[in-house]
Amino acid sequence: MNNQQYKRQWRELDDVTRERISRSTQGKPKSELHKQRIRQAMKDYWQQVQHRPQSGITMDDLIGAE
């Protein structure tokens, strides 16, 4: 994948956001081929999004700043 800027910085979402996304996609019919393509696109996307850092780890630790 190229170096695109994504809005989402971390994988973890709060429950309100997860519920809103779920409601927005509920009840929309999709063919099996469409579902497979969405599934693959999401796998590719999520490989680019990092997990939220654990407490105690600073941004300097992540980027290697001294």
Protein backbone atom coordinates (compact mmCIF):
# COMPACT_ATOMS: atom_id res chain seq x y z
CA MET A 1 0.00 0.00 0.00
CA ASN A 2 1.19 3.52 -0.62
CA ASN A 3 1.78 6.10 2.10
CA GLN A 4 -1.77 7.36 2.56
CA GLN A 5 -2.81 9.29 5.64
CA TYR A 6 -5.65 7.59 7.47
CA LYS A 7 -8.01 9.32 9.88
CA ARG A 8 -7.78 6.44 12.33
CA GLN A 9 -4.49 6.30 14.22
CA TRP A 10 -5.15 3.31 16.50
CA ARG A 11 -7.05 0.05 16.14
CA GLU A 12 -9.01 0.43 19.35
CA LEU A 13 -12.31 2.32 19.10
CA ASP A 14 -14.66 3.39 21.87
CA ASP A 15 -17.99 1.56 22.22
CA VAL A 16 -20.08 4.52 21.01
CA THR A 17 -18.16 4.67 17.72
CA ARG A 18 -18.39 0.90 17.23
CA GLU A 19 -22.17 1.00 17.77
CA ARG A 20 -22.61 3.92 15.34
CA ILE A 21 -20.66 2.08 12.62
CA SER A 22 -22.67 -1.08 13.24
CA ARG A 23 -26.01 0.74 12.94
CA SER A 24 -24.98 2.51 9.74
CA THR A 25 -24.15 -0.74 7.92
CA GLN A 26 -27.00 -2.84 9.28
CA GLY A 27 -29.65 -4.02 6.83
CA LYS A 28 -27.77 -3.18 3.62
CA PRO A 29 -27.85 -6.16 1.22
CA LYS A 30 -24.54 -7.31 -0.25
CA SER A 31 -23.65 -10.19 -2.57
CA GLU A 32 -21.15 -12.83 -1.45
CA LEU A 33 -18.56 -11.47 -3.90
CA HIS A 34 -19.01 -7.97 -2.49
CA LYS A 35 -18.59 -9.31 1.08
CA GLN A 36 -15.38 -11.11 0.09
CA ARG A 37 -13.94 -7.97 -1.46
CA ILE A 38 -14.85 -5.87 1.59
CA ARG A 39 -13.27 -8.49 3.86
CA GLN A 40 -10.00 -8.45 1.89
CA ALA A 41 -9.91 -4.66 1.71
CA MET A 42 -10.42 -4.41 5.48
CA LYS A 43 -7.64 -6.93 6.13
CA ASP A 44 -5.29 -4.86 3.96
CA TYR A 45 -6.39 -1.65 5.69
CA TRP A 46 -6.02 -2.97 9.25
CA GLN A 47 -2.47 -4.15 8.55
CA GLN A 48 -1.55 -0.46 8.23
CA VAL A 49 -3.21 0.72 11.48
CA GLN A 50 -1.21 0.36 14.69
CA HIS A 51 -2.38 -0.70 18.12
CA ARG A 52 -2.74 2.01 20.76
CA PRO A 53 0.51 2.17 22.79
CA GLN A 54 0.49 0.70 26.28
CA SER A 55 0.57 3.10 29.22
CA GLY A 56 4.11 4.05 30.14
CA ILE A 57 5.26 4.15 26.53
CA THR A 58 5.79 7.66 25.25
CA MET A 59 5.62 8.93 21.67
CA ASP A 60 9.41 9.48 21.86
CA ASP A 61 9.80 5.73 22.52
CA LEU A 62 7.73 4.95 19.44
CA ILE A 63 9.58 7.25 17.06
CA GLY A 64 13.03 6.65 18.52
CA ALA A 65 13.66 10.24 19.67
CA GLU A 66 16.32 10.75 22.28
